[in-house]
Amino acid sequence: MEKIISSRHFELDDVARAYVLDELTKLESEYQKLTSVRVVLDMQKSRYLTEVVLRGKNVEIEAKGEAKELRAAIDEVLAKTHAQLRKYLDRVHDHNKLPVSAVELNRKATAERA
């Protein structure tokens, strides 16, 4: 997955960059078909604005967050992104399909032999 992290109006330190990359890895482990993510961290006056654009197979998610502290802004936007991704995966996943139990498999096998 391509990961682009950029900052506007301030220098992003290595600790914050590593934190964002760690959180993005958690998202990637949940849905393996993600192709790219772009994280933009912006400072305006005394607040941080964050934006995430997540793209994958049949999915594009955008989320924005805002807080007075950088880590809080990152947490907010990643929580929104995770919620949107979870909602998408729940919608796509077929909840009505139930696994065939061992009893049904045995019943089918005995019926075929007879």
C-alpha atoms as a PDB file:
ATOM      1  CA  MET A   1       0.000   0.000   0.000  1.00  0.00           C
ATOM      2  CA  GLU A   2       1.250   3.437  -0.907  1.00  0.00           C
ATOM      3  CA  LYS A   3       1.372   5.723   2.142  1.00  0.00           C
ATOM      4  CA  ILE A   4       1.790   9.478   1.698  1.00  0.00           C
ATOM      5  CA  ILE A   5       2.060  11.654   4.807  1.00  0.00           C
ATOM      6  CA  SER A   6       2.485  15.384   4.371  1.00  0.00           C
ATOM      7  CA  SER A   7       2.283  18.445   6.569  1.00  0.00           C
ATOM      8  CA  ARG A   8       1.436  22.055   5.856  1.00  0.00           C
ATOM      9  CA  HIS A   9       2.628  25.094   7.795  1.00  0.00           C
ATOM     10  CA  PHE A  10       4.772  23.072  10.223  1.00  0.00           C
ATOM     11  CA  GLU A  11       7.493  20.438  10.255  1.00  0.00           C
ATOM     12  CA  LEU A  12       6.325  16.924  11.055  1.00  0.00           C
ATOM     13  CA  ASP A  13       8.694  15.139  13.428  1.00  0.00           C
ATOM     14  CA  ASP A  14       9.662  11.488  13.156  1.00  0.00           C
ATOM     15  CA  VAL A  15       7.665  10.451  16.224  1.00  0.00           C
ATOM     16  CA  ALA A  16       4.382  11.750  14.790  1.00  0.00           C
ATOM     17  CA  ARG A  17       5.161  10.236  11.377  1.00  0.00           C
ATOM     18  CA  ALA A  18       5.876   6.847  12.984  1.00  0.00           C
ATOM     19  CA  TYR A  19       2.634   7.075  14.979  1.00  0.00           C
ATOM     20  CA  VAL A  20       0.602   7.722  11.817  1.00  0.00           C
ATOM     21  CA  LEU A  21       2.332   4.877   9.963  1.00  0.00           C
ATOM     22  CA  ASP A  22       1.642   2.497  12.858  1.00  0.00           C
ATOM     23  CA  GLU A  23      -2.046   3.402  12.867  1.00  0.00           C
ATOM     24  CA  LEU A  24      -2.263   3.022   9.083  1.00  0.00           C
ATOM     25  CA  THR A  25      -0.761  -0.443   9.357  1.00  0.00           C
ATOM     26  CA  LYS A  26      -3.657  -1.407  11.629  1.00  0.00           C
ATOM     27  CA  LEU A  27      -6.125  -0.244   8.959  1.00  0.00           C
ATOM     28  CA  GLU A  28      -4.225  -2.145   6.296  1.00  0.00           C
ATOM     29  CA  SER A  29      -4.358  -5.361   8.313  1.00  0.00           C
ATOM     30  CA  GLU A  30      -8.137  -5.089   8.508  1.00  0.00           C
ATOM     31  CA  TYR A  31      -8.674  -4.746   4.750  1.00  0.00           C
ATOM     32  CA  GLN A  32      -5.890  -6.087   2.537  1.00  0.00           C
ATOM     33  CA  LYS A  33      -7.215  -4.612  -0.721  1.00  0.00           C
ATOM     34  CA  LEU A  34      -6.234  -1.033   0.123  1.00  0.00           C
ATOM     35  CA  THR A  35      -4.032   0.544  -2.540  1.00  0.00           C
ATOM     36  CA  SER A  36      -3.153   4.007  -1.226  1.00  0.00           C
ATOM     37  CA  VAL A  37      -3.659   6.385   1.656  1.00  0.00           C
ATOM     38  CA  ARG A  38      -2.893  10.087   1.806  1.00  0.00           C
ATOM     39  CA  VAL A  39      -2.687  11.847   5.182  1.00  0.00           C
ATOM     40  CA  VAL A  40      -2.453  15.638   5.235  1.00  0.00           C
ATOM     41  CA  LEU A  41      -1.698  17.356   8.545  1.00  0.00           C
ATOM     42  CA  ASP A  42      -2.293  21.109   8.552  1.00  0.00           C
ATOM     43  CA  MET A  43      -1.764  23.733  11.232  1.00  0.00           C
ATOM     44  CA  GLN A  44      -3.956  26.824  11.184  1.00  0.00           C
ATOM     45  CA  LYS A  45      -3.550  29.340  13.987  1.00  0.00           C
ATOM     46  CA  SER A  46      -3.619  27.245  17.155  1.00  0.00           C
ATOM     47  CA  ARG A  47      -5.360  24.102  15.857  1.00  0.00           C
ATOM     48  CA  TYR A  48      -4.465  21.107  13.743  1.00  0.00           C
ATOM     49  CA  LEU A  49      -6.582  19.954  10.815  1.00  0.00           C
ATOM     50  CA  THR A  50      -6.140  16.433   9.509  1.00  0.00           C
ATOM     51  CA  GLU A  51      -7.431  14.814   6.372  1.00  0.00           C
ATOM     52  CA  VAL A  52      -7.251  11.191   5.233  1.00  0.00           C
ATOM     53  CA  VAL A  53      -8.076   9.857   1.770  1.00  0.00           C
ATOM     54  CA  LEU A  54      -8.089   6.073   1.660  1.00  0.00           C
ATOM     55  CA  ARG A  55      -8.412   4.205  -1.640  1.00  0.00           C
ATOM     56  CA  GLY A  56      -8.759   0.528  -2.350  1.00  0.00           C
ATOM     57  CA  LYS A  57     -10.600  -1.956  -4.476  1.00  0.00           C
ATOM     58  CA  ASN A  58     -14.179  -0.664  -4.801  1.00  0.00           C
ATOM     59  CA  VAL A  59     -13.756   1.754  -1.879  1.00  0.00           C
ATOM     60  CA  GLU A  60     -12.769   5.382  -1.397  1.00  0.00           C
ATOM     61  CA  ILE A  61     -12.986   6.905   2.065  1.00  0.00           C
ATOM     62  CA  GLU A  62     -12.414  10.522   3.061  1.00  0.00           C
ATOM     63  CA  ALA A  63     -12.337  11.811   6.630  1.00  0.00           C
ATOM     64  CA  LYS A  64     -11.422  15.086   8.292  1.00  0.00           C
ATOM     65  CA  GLY A  65     -10.557  15.883  11.883  1.00  0.00           C
ATOM     66  CA  GLU A  66      -9.675  18.888  13.975  1.00  0.00           C
ATOM     67  CA  ALA A  67      -8.172  19.393  17.432  1.00  0.00           C
ATOM     68  CA  LYS A  68      -5.851  21.651  19.387  1.00  0.00           C
ATOM     69  CA  GLU A  69      -3.197  18.931  19.728  1.00  0.00           C
ATOM     70  CA  LEU A  70      -1.630  17.012  16.857  1.00  0.00           C
ATOM     71  CA  ARG A  71      -2.071  13.527  18.321  1.00  0.00           C
ATOM     72  CA  ALA A  72      -5.716  14.199  19.184  1.00  0.00           C
ATOM     73  CA  ALA A  73      -6.380  15.361  15.620  1.00  0.00           C
ATOM     74  CA  ILE A  74      -4.691  12.254  14.229  1.00  0.00           C
ATOM     75  CA  ASP A  75      -6.668   9.981  16.558  1.00  0.00           C
ATOM     76  CA  GLU A  76      -9.938  11.671  15.611  1.00  0.00           C
ATOM     77  CA  VAL A  77      -9.458  11.349  11.858  1.00  0.00           C
ATOM     78  CA  LEU A  78      -8.208   7.775  12.077  1.00  0.00           C
ATOM     79  CA  ALA A  79     -11.184   6.814  14.259  1.00  0.00           C
ATOM     80  CA  LYS A  80     -13.511   8.252  11.628  1.00  0.00           C
ATOM     81  CA  THR A  81     -11.644   6.425   8.875  1.00  0.00           C
ATOM     82  CA  HIS A  82     -11.772   3.152  10.799  1.00  0.00           C
ATOM     83  CA  ALA A  83     -15.520   3.569  11.403  1.00  0.00           C
ATOM     84  CA  GLN A  84     -16.192   4.231   7.719  1.00  0.00           C
ATOM     85  CA  LEU A  85     -14.066   1.251   6.675  1.00  0.00           C
ATOM     86  CA  ARG A  86     -15.806  -1.006   9.217  1.00  0.00           C
ATOM     87  CA  LYS A  87     -19.215   0.176   7.944  1.00  0.00           C
ATOM     88  CA  TYR A  88     -18.168  -0.548   4.360  1.00  0.00           C
ATOM     89  CA  LEU A  89     -16.888  -4.027   5.231  1.00  0.00           C
ATOM     90  CA  ASP A  90     -20.058  -4.843   7.174  1.00  0.00           C
ATOM     91  CA  ARG A  91     -22.189  -3.722   4.249  1.00  0.00           C
ATOM     92  CA  VAL A  92     -20.222  -5.799   1.737  1.00  0.00           C
ATOM     93  CA  HIS A  93     -19.962  -8.887   3.952  1.00  0.00           C
ATOM     94  CA  ASP A  94     -22.787 -11.409   3.519  1.00  0.00           C
ATOM     95  CA  HIS A  95     -24.235 -11.869   7.008  1.00  0.00           C
ATOM     96  CA  ASN A  96     -26.989 -14.245   5.885  1.00  0.00           C
ATOM     97  CA  LYS A  97     -24.633 -16.974   4.731  1.00  0.00           C
ATOM     98  CA  LEU A  98     -24.218 -19.474   7.556  1.00  0.00           C
ATOM     99  CA  PRO A  99     -21.596 -22.223   7.570  1.00  0.00           C
ATOM    100  CA  VAL A 100     -22.777 -25.776   7.018  1.00  0.00           C
ATOM    101  CA  SER A 101     -22.495 -27.679  10.251  1.00  0.00           C
ATOM    102  CA  ALA A 102     -20.870 -31.065  10.591  1.00  0.00           C
ATOM    103  CA  VAL A 103     -24.280 -32.656  11.174  1.00  0.00           C
ATOM    104  CA  GLU A 104     -25.582 -31.439   7.830  1.00  0.00           C
ATOM    105  CA  LEU A 105     -22.426 -32.624   6.087  1.00  0.00           C
ATOM    106  CA  ASN A 106     -22.808 -36.092   7.631  1.00  0.00           C
ATOM    107  CA  ARG A 107     -26.493 -36.205   6.671  1.00  0.00           C
ATOM    108  CA  LYS A 108     -25.659 -35.308   3.045  1.00  0.00           C
ATOM    109  CA  ALA A 109     -22.900 -37.913   2.922  1.00  0.00           C
ATOM    110  CA  THR A 110     -25.153 -40.721   4.204  1.00  0.00           C
ATOM    111  CA  ALA A 111     -27.945 -39.711   1.805  1.00  0.00           C
ATOM    112  CA  GLU A 112     -25.590 -39.867  -1.161  1.00  0.00           C
ATOM    113  CA  ARG A 113     -24.346 -43.352  -0.215  1.00  0.00           C
ATOM    114  CA  ALA A 114     -27.856 -44.749   0.029  1.00  0.00           C
END
